[in-house]
PDB file of N, CA and C in Angstrom:
ATOM      1  N   MET A   1       7.687  26.536  15.171  1.00  0.00           N
ATOM      2  CA  MET A   1       6.225  25.525  16.170  1.00  0.00           C
ATOM      3  C   MET A   1       6.708  25.838  17.506  1.00  0.00           C
ATOM      4  N   VAL A   2       8.330  24.677  17.676  1.00  0.00           N
ATOM      5  CA  VAL A   2       8.438  24.226  18.892  1.00  0.00           C
ATOM      6  C   VAL A   2      10.112  24.402  19.223  1.00  0.00           C
ATOM      7  N   GLY A   3      10.595  24.819  19.915  1.00  0.00           N
ATOM      8  CA  GLY A   3      12.081  25.177  19.551  1.00  0.00           C
ATOM      9  C   GLY A   3      12.939  24.460  20.664  1.00  0.00           C
ATOM     10  N   GLY A   4      14.142  24.249  20.768  1.00  0.00           N
ATOM     11  CA  GLY A   4      14.977  22.995  20.516  1.00  0.00           C
ATOM     12  C   GLY A   4      15.080  21.760  19.535  1.00  0.00           C
ATOM     13  N   SER A   5      14.866  20.873  20.470  1.00  0.00           N
ATOM     14  CA  SER A   5      14.728  19.706  20.185  1.00  0.00           C
ATOM     15  C   SER A   5      13.776  19.077  19.142  1.00  0.00           C
ATOM     16  N   GLY A   6      12.783  19.579  19.377  1.00  0.00           N
ATOM     17  CA  GLY A   6      11.568  19.453  19.357  1.00  0.00           C
ATOM     18  C   GLY A   6      10.926  20.088  17.826  1.00  0.00           C
ATOM     19  N   ARG A   7      11.829  21.087  17.572  1.00  0.00           N
ATOM     20  CA  ARG A   7      12.039  21.901  16.083  1.00  0.00           C
ATOM     21  C   ARG A   7      11.803  21.715  14.713  1.00  0.00           C
ATOM     22  N   GLU A   8      12.775  20.142  14.620  1.00  0.00           N
ATOM     23  CA  GLU A   8      12.829  18.684  13.951  1.00  0.00           C
ATOM     24  C   GLU A   8      11.129  18.384  14.029  1.00  0.00           C
ATOM     25  N   THR A   9      10.378  17.547  14.818  1.00  0.00           N
ATOM     26  CA  THR A   9       9.043  17.488  15.337  1.00  0.00           C
ATOM     27  C   THR A   9       8.686  18.550  14.535  1.00  0.00           C
ATOM     28  N   GLY A  10       8.487  19.399  14.722  1.00  0.00           N
ATOM     29  CA  GLY A  10       7.273  20.947  14.863  1.00  0.00           C
ATOM     30  C   GLY A  10       7.475  20.493  13.258  1.00  0.00           C
ATOM     31  N   LEU A  11       8.508  21.008  12.468  1.00  0.00           N
ATOM     32  CA  LEU A  11       8.941  21.015  11.379  1.00  0.00           C
ATOM     33  C   LEU A  11       8.596  19.520  10.358  1.00  0.00           C
ATOM     34  N   ARG A  12       8.510  18.700  11.114  1.00  0.00           N
ATOM     35  CA  ARG A  12       7.978  17.184  10.548  1.00  0.00           C
ATOM     36  C   ARG A  12       6.559  17.527  10.294  1.00  0.00           C
ATOM     37  N   LEU A  13       5.613  17.623  11.181  1.00  0.00           N
ATOM     38  CA  LEU A  13       4.466  18.002  11.499  1.00  0.00           C
ATOM     39  C   LEU A  13       3.822  19.026  10.929  1.00  0.00           C
ATOM     40  N   MET A  14       4.674  19.840  10.348  1.00  0.00           N
ATOM     41  CA  MET A  14       3.713  21.042   9.457  1.00  0.00           C
ATOM     42  C   MET A  14       4.269  20.473   7.908  1.00  0.00           C
ATOM     43  N   LYS A  15       5.387  19.753   7.805  1.00  0.00           N
ATOM     44  CA  LYS A  15       5.562  19.764   6.600  1.00  0.00           C
ATOM     45  C   LYS A  15       4.125  18.298   6.059  1.00  0.00           C
ATOM     46  N   ARG A  16       3.971  17.680   7.257  1.00  0.00           N
ATOM     47  CA  ARG A  16       2.847  16.893   6.620  1.00  0.00           C
ATOM     48  C   ARG A  16       1.306  17.025   6.567  1.00  0.00           C
ATOM     49  N   ALA A  17       1.136  18.252   7.312  1.00  0.00           N
ATOM     50  CA  ALA A  17       0.085  19.010   7.935  1.00  0.00           C
ATOM     51  C   ALA A  17      -0.385  19.716   6.128  1.00  0.00           C
ATOM     52  N   VAL A  18       0.748  20.733   5.870  1.00  0.00           N
ATOM     53  CA  VAL A  18       1.207  21.256   4.470  1.00  0.00           C
ATOM     54  C   VAL A  18       0.648  19.940   3.637  1.00  0.00           C
ATOM     55  N   ARG A  19       1.003  18.565   3.059  1.00  0.00           N
ATOM     56  CA  ARG A  19       1.000  18.147   2.083  1.00  0.00           C
ATOM     57  C   ARG A  19      -0.388  17.204   2.054  1.00  0.00           C
ATOM     58  N   MET A  20      -0.328  17.095   3.210  1.00  0.00           N
ATOM     59  CA  MET A  20      -2.325  16.932   3.336  1.00  0.00           C
ATOM     60  C   MET A  20      -3.482  17.572   2.661  1.00  0.00           C
ATOM     61  N   CYS A  21      -2.978  18.687   3.173  1.00  0.00           N
ATOM     62  CA  CYS A  21      -3.833  19.690   2.615  1.00  0.00           C
ATOM     63  C   CYS A  21      -3.545  20.420   1.189  1.00  0.00           C
ATOM     64  N   ARG A  22      -2.704  20.355   0.506  1.00  0.00           N
ATOM     65  CA  ARG A  22      -2.049  19.825  -1.088  1.00  0.00           C
ATOM     66  C   ARG A  22      -3.059  18.913  -1.557  1.00  0.00           C
ATOM     67  N   GLU A  23      -2.838  17.976  -1.274  1.00  0.00           N
ATOM     68  CA  GLU A  23      -3.509  16.579  -1.845  1.00  0.00           C
ATOM     69  C   GLU A  23      -4.566  15.984  -1.293  1.00  0.00           C
ATOM     70  N   TRP A  24      -5.286  16.788  -0.245  1.00  0.00           N
ATOM     71  CA  TRP A  24      -6.906  16.218   0.074  1.00  0.00           C
ATOM     72  C   TRP A  24      -7.672  15.678  -1.058  1.00  0.00           C
ATOM     73  N   ARG A  25      -8.356  15.251  -1.298  1.00  0.00           N
ATOM     74  CA  ARG A  25      -9.555  14.559  -1.977  1.00  0.00           C
ATOM     75  C   ARG A  25     -10.586  14.122  -0.555  1.00  0.00           C
ATOM     76  N   ALA A  26     -11.894  14.454  -1.189  1.00  0.00           N
ATOM     77  CA  ALA A  26     -12.627  14.369  -0.197  1.00  0.00           C
ATOM     78  C   ALA A  26     -13.208  13.247  -0.444  1.00  0.00           C
ATOM     79  N   VAL A  27     -14.309  12.387   0.341  1.00  0.00           N
ATOM     80  CA  VAL A  27     -15.228  11.564  -0.355  1.00  0.00           C
ATOM     81  C   VAL A  27     -16.286  11.912  -1.410  1.00  0.00           C
ATOM     82  N   ARG A  28     -16.622  12.941  -1.153  1.00  0.00           N
ATOM     83  CA  ARG A  28     -17.565  13.119  -2.462  1.00  0.00           C
ATOM     84  C   ARG A  28     -16.458  14.419  -3.316  1.00  0.00           C
ATOM     85  N   PRO A  29     -16.139  14.135  -4.525  1.00  0.00           N
ATOM     86  CA  PRO A  29     -15.249  14.810  -5.449  1.00  0.00           C
ATOM     87  C   PRO A  29     -15.832  16.565  -5.740  1.00  0.00           C
ATOM     88  N   ALA A  30     -17.307  16.650  -5.158  1.00  0.00           N
ATOM     89  CA  ALA A  30     -17.811  17.887  -5.050  1.00  0.00           C
ATOM     90  C   ALA A  30     -17.453  18.872  -4.177  1.00  0.00           C
ATOM     91  N   ASP A  31     -17.211  18.269  -2.862  1.00  0.00           N
ATOM     92  CA  ASP A  31     -16.657  18.961  -1.840  1.00  0.00           C
ATOM     93  C   ASP A  31     -15.485  18.786  -1.800  1.00  0.00           C
ATOM     94  N   THR A  32     -14.720  18.373  -2.770  1.00  0.00           N
ATOM     95  CA  THR A  32     -12.909  18.721  -2.624  1.00  0.00           C
ATOM     96  C   THR A  32     -12.580  19.919  -2.097  1.00  0.00           C
ATOM     97  N   PRO A  33     -12.933  21.027  -2.982  1.00  0.00           N
ATOM     98  CA  PRO A  33     -12.804  22.461  -2.656  1.00  0.00           C
ATOM     99  C   PRO A  33     -12.940  23.103  -1.400  1.00  0.00           C
ATOM    100  N   ALA A  34     -14.026  22.922  -1.165  1.00  0.00           N
ATOM    101  CA  ALA A  34     -14.223  23.268  -0.052  1.00  0.00           C
ATOM    102  C   ALA A  34     -13.441  22.669   1.600  1.00  0.00           C
ATOM    103  N   GLU A  35     -13.825  21.126   1.631  1.00  0.00           N
ATOM    104  CA  GLU A  35     -12.987  20.661   2.330  1.00  0.00           C
ATOM    105  C   GLU A  35     -11.440  20.966   2.417  1.00  0.00           C
ATOM    106  N   ARG A  36     -10.958  21.384   1.001  1.00  0.00           N
ATOM    107  CA  ARG A  36      -9.224  21.271   0.843  1.00  0.00           C
ATOM    108  C   ARG A  36      -9.154  23.322   1.827  1.00  0.00           C
ATOM    109  N   ASP A  37     -10.190  23.778   1.572  1.00  0.00           N
ATOM    110  CA  ASP A  37     -10.150  24.980   2.044  1.00  0.00           C
ATOM    111  C   ASP A  37     -10.507  24.947   3.925  1.00  0.00           C
ATOM    112  N   HIS A  38     -10.862  24.462   4.173  1.00  0.00           N
ATOM    113  CA  HIS A  38     -11.129  24.123   5.263  1.00  0.00           C
ATOM    114  C   HIS A  38     -10.313  23.634   6.243  1.00  0.00           C
ATOM    115  N   LEU A  39      -9.742  22.411   5.722  1.00  0.00           N
ATOM    116  CA  LEU A  39      -8.673  21.891   6.143  1.00  0.00           C
ATOM    117  C   LEU A  39      -7.062  22.742   6.404  1.00  0.00           C
ATOM    118  N   THR A  40      -6.891  23.893   4.899  1.00  0.00           N
ATOM    119  CA  THR A  40      -5.612  24.674   4.952  1.00  0.00           C
ATOM    120  C   THR A  40      -6.101  25.977   6.210  1.00  0.00           C
ATOM    121  N   ARG A  41      -7.256  26.256   6.259  1.00  0.00           N
ATOM    122  CA  ARG A  41      -7.641  27.312   7.150  1.00  0.00           C
ATOM    123  C   ARG A  41      -7.208  26.629   8.579  1.00  0.00           C
ATOM    124  N   LEU A  42      -7.605  25.420   9.317  1.00  0.00           N
ATOM    125  CA  LEU A  42      -7.523  25.051  10.349  1.00  0.00           C
ATOM    126  C   LEU A  42      -6.024  24.452  10.894  1.00  0.00           C
ATOM    127  N   VAL A  43      -4.918  24.069   9.693  1.00  0.00           N
ATOM    128  CA  VAL A  43      -4.044  24.301   9.761  1.00  0.00           C
ATOM    129  C   VAL A  43      -3.304  25.496  10.209  1.00  0.00           C
ATOM    130  N   ARG A  44      -3.339  26.182   9.243  1.00  0.00           N
ATOM    131  CA  ARG A  44      -2.726  27.331   9.388  1.00  0.00           C
ATOM    132  C   ARG A  44      -2.932  28.109  10.944  1.00  0.00           C
ATOM    133  N   ASP A  45      -4.682  28.517  11.058  1.00  0.00           N
ATOM    134  CA  ASP A  45      -4.658  28.856  12.238  1.00  0.00           C
ATOM    135  C   ASP A  45      -4.036  28.345  13.562  1.00  0.00           C
ATOM    136  N   GLN A  46      -4.095  26.681  13.659  1.00  0.00           N
ATOM    137  CA  GLN A  46      -3.212  25.735  14.880  1.00  0.00           C
ATOM    138  C   GLN A  46      -2.108  26.487  14.929  1.00  0.00           C
ATOM    139  N   PHE A  47      -1.060  26.230  13.717  1.00  0.00           N
ATOM    140  CA  PHE A  47      -0.040  26.638  13.961  1.00  0.00           C
ATOM    141  C   PHE A  47       0.622  28.162  13.975  1.00  0.00           C
ATOM    142  N   ASN A  48      -0.173  29.036  13.903  1.00  0.00           N
ATOM    143  CA  ASN A  48       0.170  29.934  13.859  1.00  0.00           C
ATOM    144  C   ASN A  48      -0.056  30.390  15.780  1.00  0.00           C
ATOM    145  N   VAL A  49      -0.845  29.983  15.919  1.00  0.00           N
ATOM    146  CA  VAL A  49      -1.508  29.897  17.391  1.00  0.00           C
ATOM    147  C   VAL A  49       0.111  29.350  17.979  1.00  0.00           C
ATOM    148  N   ASN A  50       0.100  28.330  17.941  1.00  0.00           N
ATOM    149  CA  ASN A  50       1.137  27.095  18.346  1.00  0.00           C
ATOM    150  C   ASN A  50       2.712  27.663  17.841  1.00  0.00           C
ATOM    151  N   GLN A  51       2.886  28.717  17.185  1.00  0.00           N
ATOM    152  CA  GLN A  51       3.898  28.842  16.632  1.00  0.00           C
ATOM    153  C   GLN A  51       5.015  28.953  17.610  1.00  0.00           C
ATOM    154  N   HIS A  52       5.199  29.448  18.610  1.00  0.00           N
ATOM    155  CA  HIS A  52       6.388  29.830  19.688  1.00  0.00           C
ATOM    156  C   HIS A  52       5.992  28.704  20.760  1.00  0.00           C
ATOM    157  N   SER A  53       4.776  27.936  20.989  1.00  0.00           N
ATOM    158  CA  SER A  53       4.913  27.155  21.956  1.00  0.00           C
ATOM    159  C   SER A  53       6.054  25.681  21.990  1.00  0.00           C
ATOM    160  N   SER A  54       6.671  25.308  23.125  1.00  0.00           N
ATOM    161  CA  SER A  54       7.311  24.691  23.344  1.00  0.00           C
ATOM    162  C   SER A  54       7.195  23.291  24.339  1.00  0.00           C
ATOM    163  N   ASP A  55       5.841  23.305  24.124  1.00  0.00           N
ATOM    164  CA  ASP A  55       4.934  21.998  24.519  1.00  0.00           C
ATOM    165  C   ASP A  55       4.840  21.325  24.318  1.00  0.00           C
ATOM    166  N   PRO A  56       5.687  19.888  24.317  1.00  0.00           N
ATOM    167  CA  PRO A  56       5.179  18.321  23.537  1.00  0.00           C
ATOM    168  C   PRO A  56       3.799  18.051  23.732  1.00  0.00           C
ATOM    169  N   ASP A  57       3.235  18.567  24.389  1.00  0.00           N
ATOM    170  CA  ASP A  57       1.493  18.225  24.158  1.00  0.00           C
ATOM    171  C   ASP A  57       1.054  18.535  22.859  1.00  0.00           C
ATOM    172  N   VAL A  58       1.241  19.548  22.976  1.00  0.00           N
ATOM    173  CA  VAL A  58       0.527  20.471  21.888  1.00  0.00           C
ATOM    174  C   VAL A  58       1.116  20.127  20.227  1.00  0.00           C
ATOM    175  N   VAL A  59       2.218  19.213  19.741  1.00  0.00           N
ATOM    176  CA  VAL A  59       2.641  18.800  18.818  1.00  0.00           C
ATOM    177  C   VAL A  59       1.970  17.327  19.112  1.00  0.00           C
ATOM    178  N   ALA A  60       1.951  16.372  20.432  1.00  0.00           N
ATOM    179  CA  ALA A  60       1.484  15.509  19.842  1.00  0.00           C
ATOM    180  C   ALA A  60      -0.302  15.464  19.995  1.00  0.00           C
ATOM    181  N   GLN A  61      -0.917  16.705  20.414  1.00  0.00           N
ATOM    182  CA  GLN A  61      -2.406  16.705  20.657  1.00  0.00           C
ATOM    183  C   GLN A  61      -2.501  17.040  18.469  1.00  0.00           C
ATOM    184  N   LEU A  62      -1.822  18.222  17.914  1.00  0.00           N
ATOM    185  CA  LEU A  62      -1.775  18.304  16.406  1.00  0.00           C
ATOM    186  C   LEU A  62      -1.770  17.186  15.963  1.00  0.00           C
ATOM    187  N   SER A  63      -0.324  16.177  16.101  1.00  0.00           N
ATOM    188  CA  SER A  63      -0.804  15.009  15.253  1.00  0.00           C
ATOM    189  C   SER A  63      -1.803  14.094  15.469  1.00  0.00           C
ATOM    190  N   ARG A  64      -2.506  14.124  16.587  1.00  0.00           N
ATOM    191  CA  ARG A  64      -3.629  13.181  17.174  1.00  0.00           C
ATOM    192  C   ARG A  64      -4.623  14.069  15.990  1.00  0.00           C
ATOM    193  N   ARG A  65      -4.956  14.947  15.657  1.00  0.00           N
ATOM    194  CA  ARG A  65      -5.878  15.464  15.350  1.00  0.00           C
ATOM    195  C   ARG A  65      -5.557  15.420  14.061  1.00  0.00           C
ATOM    196  N   LEU A  66      -4.551  15.414  13.271  1.00  0.00           N
ATOM    197  CA  LEU A  66      -4.187  15.182  11.668  1.00  0.00           C
ATOM    198  C   LEU A  66      -4.535  13.430  11.406  1.00  0.00           C
ATOM    199  N   ASP A  67      -4.086  12.693  12.307  1.00  0.00           N
ATOM    200  CA  ASP A  67      -4.534  11.368  11.870  1.00  0.00           C
ATOM    201  C   ASP A  67      -5.902  11.083  12.118  1.00  0.00           C
ATOM    202  N   MET A  68      -6.733  11.868  12.983  1.00  0.00           N
ATOM    203  CA  MET A  68      -8.073  11.169  12.902  1.00  0.00           C
ATOM    204  C   MET A  68      -8.853  12.336  11.714  1.00  0.00           C
ATOM    205  N   ILE A  69      -8.108  13.183  11.326  1.00  0.00           N
ATOM    206  CA  ILE A  69      -8.975  13.656   9.861  1.00  0.00           C
ATOM    207  C   ILE A  69      -8.389  12.675   8.566  1.00  0.00           C
ATOM    208  N   GLU A  70      -7.357  11.807   8.817  1.00  0.00           N
ATOM    209  CA  GLU A  70      -6.549  11.192   7.701  1.00  0.00           C
ATOM    210  C   GLU A  70      -7.689   9.762   8.068  1.00  0.00           C
ATOM    211  N   HIS A  71      -7.848   9.409   9.195  1.00  0.00           N
ATOM    212  CA  HIS A  71      -8.650   8.194   9.643  1.00  0.00           C
ATOM    213  C   HIS A  71      -9.836   8.263   9.239  1.00  0.00           C
ATOM    214  N   TYR A  72     -10.661   9.321   9.412  1.00  0.00           N
ATOM    215  CA  TYR A  72     -12.019   9.591   9.483  1.00  0.00           C
ATOM    216  C   TYR A  72     -12.374   9.578   8.001  1.00  0.00           C
ATOM    217  N   GLN A  73     -11.499  11.059   7.087  1.00  0.00           N
ATOM    218  CA  GLN A  73     -11.337  11.011   5.878  1.00  0.00           C
ATOM    219  C   GLN A  73     -12.486  12.279   5.457  1.00  0.00           C
ATOM    220  N   THR A  74     -12.220  13.579   6.909  1.00  0.00           N
ATOM    221  CA  THR A  74     -12.891  14.451   6.993  1.00  0.00           C
ATOM    222  C   THR A  74     -12.371  15.415   7.870  1.00  0.00           C
ATOM    223  N   PRO A  75     -12.326  16.496   7.552  1.00  0.00           N
ATOM    224  CA  PRO A  75     -11.670  18.048   8.202  1.00  0.00           C
ATOM    225  C   PRO A  75     -12.598  18.398   9.375  1.00  0.00           C
ATOM    226  N   TYR A  76     -13.291  18.333   9.489  1.00  0.00           N
ATOM    227  CA  TYR A  76     -14.348  18.700  10.139  1.00  0.00           C
ATOM    228  C   TYR A  76     -14.355  17.924  11.573  1.00  0.00           C
ATOM    229  N   GLU A  77     -14.500  18.421  12.749  1.00  0.00           N
ATOM    230  CA  GLU A  77     -14.600  17.678  14.253  1.00  0.00           C
ATOM    231  C   GLU A  77     -15.780  17.356  14.301  1.00  0.00           C
ATOM    232  N   ARG A  78     -15.821  16.122  15.130  1.00  0.00           N
ATOM    233  CA  ARG A  78     -17.038  15.496  15.056  1.00  0.00           C
ATOM    234  C   ARG A  78     -18.313  16.397  16.217  1.00  0.00           C
ATOM    235  N   PRO A  79     -19.495  16.700  15.654  1.00  0.00           N
ATOM    236  CA  PRO A  79     -20.198  17.368  16.761  1.00  0.00           C
ATOM    237  C   PRO A  79     -19.928  16.796  18.361  1.00  0.00           C
ATOM    238  N   THR A  80     -19.735  17.433  18.828  1.00  0.00           N
ATOM    239  CA  THR A  80     -19.752  16.202  20.499  1.00  0.00           C
ATOM    240  C   THR A  80     -20.914  16.454  21.321  1.00  0.00           C
ATOM    241  N   HIS A  81     -21.373  17.822  21.003  1.00  0.00           N
ATOM    242  CA  HIS A  81     -23.033  18.259  21.563  1.00  0.00           C
ATOM    243  C   HIS A  81     -24.298  17.784  21.169  1.00  0.00           C
ATOM    244  N   PHE A  82     -23.916  16.812  20.391  1.00  0.00           N
ATOM    245  CA  PHE A  82     -25.130  15.631  19.950  1.00  0.00           C
ATOM    246  C   PHE A  82     -25.110  14.494  20.546  1.00  0.00           C
ATOM    247  N   ALA A  83     -26.407  13.890  20.720  1.00  0.00           N
ATOM    248  CA  ALA A  83     -26.494  12.544  21.190  1.00  0.00           C
ATOM    249  C   ALA A  83     -26.146  11.766  19.987  1.00  0.00           C
ATOM    250  N   GLN A  84     -25.895  10.326  20.189  1.00  0.00           N
ATOM    251  CA  GLN A  84     -25.890   9.361  19.132  1.00  0.00           C
ATOM    252  C   GLN A  84     -26.893   9.087  18.533  1.00  0.00           C
ATOM    253  N   HIS A  85     -28.295   9.460  19.041  1.00  0.00           N
ATOM    254  CA  HIS A  85     -29.475   8.930  18.133  1.00  0.00           C
ATOM    255  C   HIS A  85     -30.082  10.238  18.417  1.00  0.00           C
ATOM    256  N   ALA A  86     -29.344  11.865  18.067  1.00  0.00           N
ATOM    257  CA  ALA A  86     -30.174  12.553  18.163  1.00  0.00           C
ATOM    258  C   ALA A  86     -30.957  13.249  16.625  1.00  0.00           C
ATOM    259  N   ALA A  87     -31.527  13.474  16.154  1.00  0.00           N
ATOM    260  CA  ALA A  87     -31.818  13.866  14.408  1.00  0.00           C
ATOM    261  C   ALA A  87     -32.488  15.368  14.395  1.00  0.00           C
ATOM    262  N   VAL A  88     -32.681  15.881  13.393  1.00  0.00           N
ATOM    263  CA  VAL A  88     -32.723  17.241  12.862  1.00  0.00           C
ATOM    264  C   VAL A  88     -34.184  17.216  13.571  1.00  0.00           C
ATOM    265  N   LEU A  89     -35.451  18.010  13.559  1.00  0.00           N
ATOM    266  CA  LEU A  89     -36.632  17.646  14.309  1.00  0.00           C
ATOM    267  C   LEU A  89     -37.116  18.341  13.202  1.00  0.00           C
ATOM    268  N   ASP A  90     -37.821  17.310  12.349  1.00  0.00           N
ATOM    269  CA  ASP A  90     -38.995  17.633  11.708  1.00  0.00           C
ATOM    270  C   ASP A  90     -40.403  17.909  11.865  1.00  0.00           C
ATOM    271  N   PHE A  91     -40.531  19.379  12.167  1.00  0.00           N
ATOM    272  CA  PHE A  91     -41.514  20.032  12.885  1.00  0.00           C
ATOM    273  C   PHE A  91     -42.837  19.978  12.532  1.00  0.00           C
ATOM    274  N   LYS A  92     -42.802  19.150  10.796  1.00  0.00           N
ATOM    275  CA  LYS A  92     -44.309  18.777  10.223  1.00  0.00           C
ATOM    276  C   LYS A  92     -44.701  17.541  10.729  1.00  0.00           C
ATOM    277  N   ASN A  93     -43.436  16.769  11.239  1.00  0.00           N
ATOM    278  CA  ASN A  93     -44.031  15.323  11.572  1.00  0.00           C
ATOM    279  C   ASN A  93     -42.737  14.889  12.289  1.00  0.00           C
ATOM    280  N   LEU A  94     -43.360  14.845  13.745  1.00  0.00           N
ATOM    281  CA  LEU A  94     -42.780  14.146  14.758  1.00  0.00           C
ATOM    282  C   LEU A  94     -42.607  13.080  15.609  1.00  0.00           C
ATOM    283  N   SER A  95     -42.810  12.057  14.558  1.00  0.00           N
ATOM    284  CA  SER A  95     -43.067  10.855  15.365  1.00  0.00           C
ATOM    285  C   SER A  95     -42.366  10.095  14.795  1.00  0.00           C
ATOM    286  N   ASN A  96     -40.970  10.229  13.937  1.00  0.00           N
ATOM    287  CA  ASN A  96     -39.672   9.521  13.913  1.00  0.00           C
ATOM    288  C   ASN A  96     -38.992  10.006  15.708  1.00  0.00           C
ATOM    289  N   GLN A  97     -39.051  11.438  15.756  1.00  0.00           N
ATOM    290  CA  GLN A  97     -38.452  11.520  17.401  1.00  0.00           C
ATOM    291  C   GLN A  97     -38.631  11.307  18.271  1.00  0.00           C
ATOM    292  N   LYS A  98     -40.292  10.789  18.509  1.00  0.00           N
ATOM    293  CA  LYS A  98     -41.123  10.440  19.406  1.00  0.00           C
ATOM    294  C   LYS A  98     -40.736   9.061  19.258  1.00  0.00           C
ATOM    295  N   ARG A  99     -40.272   8.176  18.381  1.00  0.00           N
ATOM    296  CA  ARG A  99     -40.120   7.248  18.634  1.00  0.00           C
ATOM    297  C   ARG A  99     -38.670   6.797  19.209  1.00  0.00           C
ATOM    298  N   ILE A 100     -37.691   7.984  19.048  1.00  0.00           N
ATOM    299  CA  ILE A 100     -36.542   7.657  19.433  1.00  0.00           C
ATOM    300  C   ILE A 100     -36.449   7.882  20.389  1.00  0.00           C
ATOM    301  N   HIS A 101     -37.154   8.685  20.724  1.00  0.00           N
ATOM    302  CA  HIS A 101     -37.145   8.981  22.604  1.00  0.00           C
ATOM    303  C   HIS A 101     -37.631   7.943  23.402  1.00  0.00           C
ATOM    304  N   ARG A 102     -39.066   7.173  22.737  1.00  0.00           N
ATOM    305  CA  ARG A 102     -39.180   6.182  23.446  1.00  0.00           C
ATOM    306  C   ARG A 102     -38.242   4.736  23.807  1.00  0.00           C
ATOM    307  N   ARG A 103     -37.689   4.717  22.567  1.00  0.00           N
ATOM    308  CA  ARG A 103     -37.125   3.430  22.167  1.00  0.00           C
ATOM    309  C   ARG A 103     -35.912   3.321  23.156  1.00  0.00           C
ATOM    310  N   THR A 104     -35.366   5.080  23.666  1.00  0.00           N
ATOM    311  CA  THR A 104     -34.074   5.181  24.385  1.00  0.00           C
ATOM    312  C   THR A 104     -34.690   5.630  26.103  1.00  0.00           C
ATOM    313  N   GLY A 105     -36.189   5.945  26.462  1.00  0.00           N
ATOM    314  CA  GLY A 105     -36.554   5.893  26.956  1.00  0.00           C
ATOM    315  C   GLY A 105     -36.711   7.028  27.944  1.00  0.00           C
ATOM    316  N   LEU A 106     -36.044   8.214  27.078  1.00  0.00           N
ATOM    317  CA  LEU A 106     -36.092   9.375  28.336  1.00  0.00           C
ATOM    318  C   LEU A 106     -37.092  10.046  27.621  1.00  0.00           C
ATOM    319  N   LYS A 107     -37.217  11.489  28.714  1.00  0.00           N
ATOM    320  CA  LYS A 107     -38.351  11.931  28.823  1.00  0.00           C
ATOM    321  C   LYS A 107     -38.010  12.596  27.824  1.00  0.00           C
ATOM    322  N   ASN A 108     -40.028  12.624  27.135  1.00  0.00           N
ATOM    323  CA  ASN A 108     -39.579  13.401  25.860  1.00  0.00           C
ATOM    324  C   ASN A 108     -40.732  14.753  26.088  1.00  0.00           C
ATOM    325  N   VAL A 109     -39.629  16.250  26.031  1.00  0.00           N
ATOM    326  CA  VAL A 109     -40.598  17.159  25.777  1.00  0.00           C
ATOM    327  C   VAL A 109     -41.584  17.405  24.666  1.00  0.00           C
ATOM    328  N   ILE A 110     -40.943  16.853  23.480  1.00  0.00           N
ATOM    329  CA  ILE A 110     -41.973  16.541  22.089  1.00  0.00           C
ATOM    330  C   ILE A 110     -43.281  15.821  22.554  1.00  0.00           C
ATOM    331  N   ASP A 111     -43.400  15.152  23.152  1.00  0.00           N
ATOM    332  CA  ASP A 111     -44.470  13.945  23.479  1.00  0.00           C
ATOM    333  C   ASP A 111     -45.214  15.441  24.267  1.00  0.00           C
ATOM    334  N   ASP A 112     -44.418  15.465  25.349  1.00  0.00           N
ATOM    335  CA  ASP A 112     -45.636  16.321  26.376  1.00  0.00           C
ATOM    336  C   ASP A 112     -45.967  17.390  26.270  1.00  0.00           C
ATOM    337  N   SER A 113     -44.964  18.349  24.890  1.00  0.00           N
ATOM    338  CA  SER A 113     -46.137  19.499  24.333  1.00  0.00           C
ATOM    339  C   SER A 113     -46.891  19.414  23.208  1.00  0.00           C
ATOM    340  N   SER A 114     -46.862  18.234  22.549  1.00  0.00           N
ATOM    341  CA  SER A 114     -47.749  17.538  21.443  1.00  0.00           C
ATOM    342  C   SER A 114     -49.001  16.975  21.933  1.00  0.00           C
ATOM    343  N   ASP A 115     -48.876  15.973  23.035  1.00  0.00           N
ATOM    344  CA  ASP A 115     -50.011  16.078  23.689  1.00  0.00           C
ATOM    345  C   ASP A 115     -51.092  17.020  24.353  1.00  0.00           C
ATOM    346  N   SER A 116     -50.043  17.866  25.026  1.00  0.00           N
ATOM    347  CA  SER A 116     -50.795  19.494  25.368  1.00  0.00           C
ATOM    348  C   SER A 116     -51.636  19.826  24.578  1.00  0.00           C
ATOM    349  N   GLN A 117     -51.052  20.475  22.691  1.00  0.00           N
ATOM    350  CA  GLN A 117     -51.222  20.848  21.810  1.00  0.00           C
ATOM    351  C   GLN A 117     -52.443  20.171  21.370  1.00  0.00           C
ATOM    352  N   SER A 118     -52.504  18.777  21.439  1.00  0.00           N
ATOM    353  CA  SER A 118     -54.036  17.842  21.137  1.00  0.00           C
ATOM    354  C   SER A 118     -54.651  17.649  21.429  1.00  0.00           C
ATOM    355  N   ALA A 119     -54.820  17.795  22.849  1.00  0.00           N
ATOM    356  CA  ALA A 119     -55.720  17.812  23.765  1.00  0.00           C
ATOM    357  C   ALA A 119     -56.466  19.295  23.597  1.00  0.00           C
ATOM    358  N   GLN A 120     -56.604  20.361  23.529  1.00  0.00           N
ATOM    359  CA  GLN A 120     -56.923  21.575  23.535  1.00  0.00           C
ATOM    360  C   GLN A 120     -57.771  21.297  22.192  1.00  0.00           C
TER     361      GLN A 120
END
């Protein structure tokens, strides 16, 4: 993973990641196999991509990612493209989404389109 003196750090990180994959227990026991497979693929891909990297920032980034996985107990990354108040649209009943948008003060495309449809 890392050449020279960082080799031990890289090997220690790899050992930690492999142990985490092997001992992973999901919050919901039924999800354990799927999450374990995802985590194993994630670790394998990251270590294959950064196998010959000598940058200490790469090791620090992978270590932080493992810390986040352990802390939040999920191997999946948080979707950053959604707003905190975002919800899945329910096309049969948009009242919840309208209420959220009114509360946040955002201009709501849903309100505009449904108002124009109801006026017709």
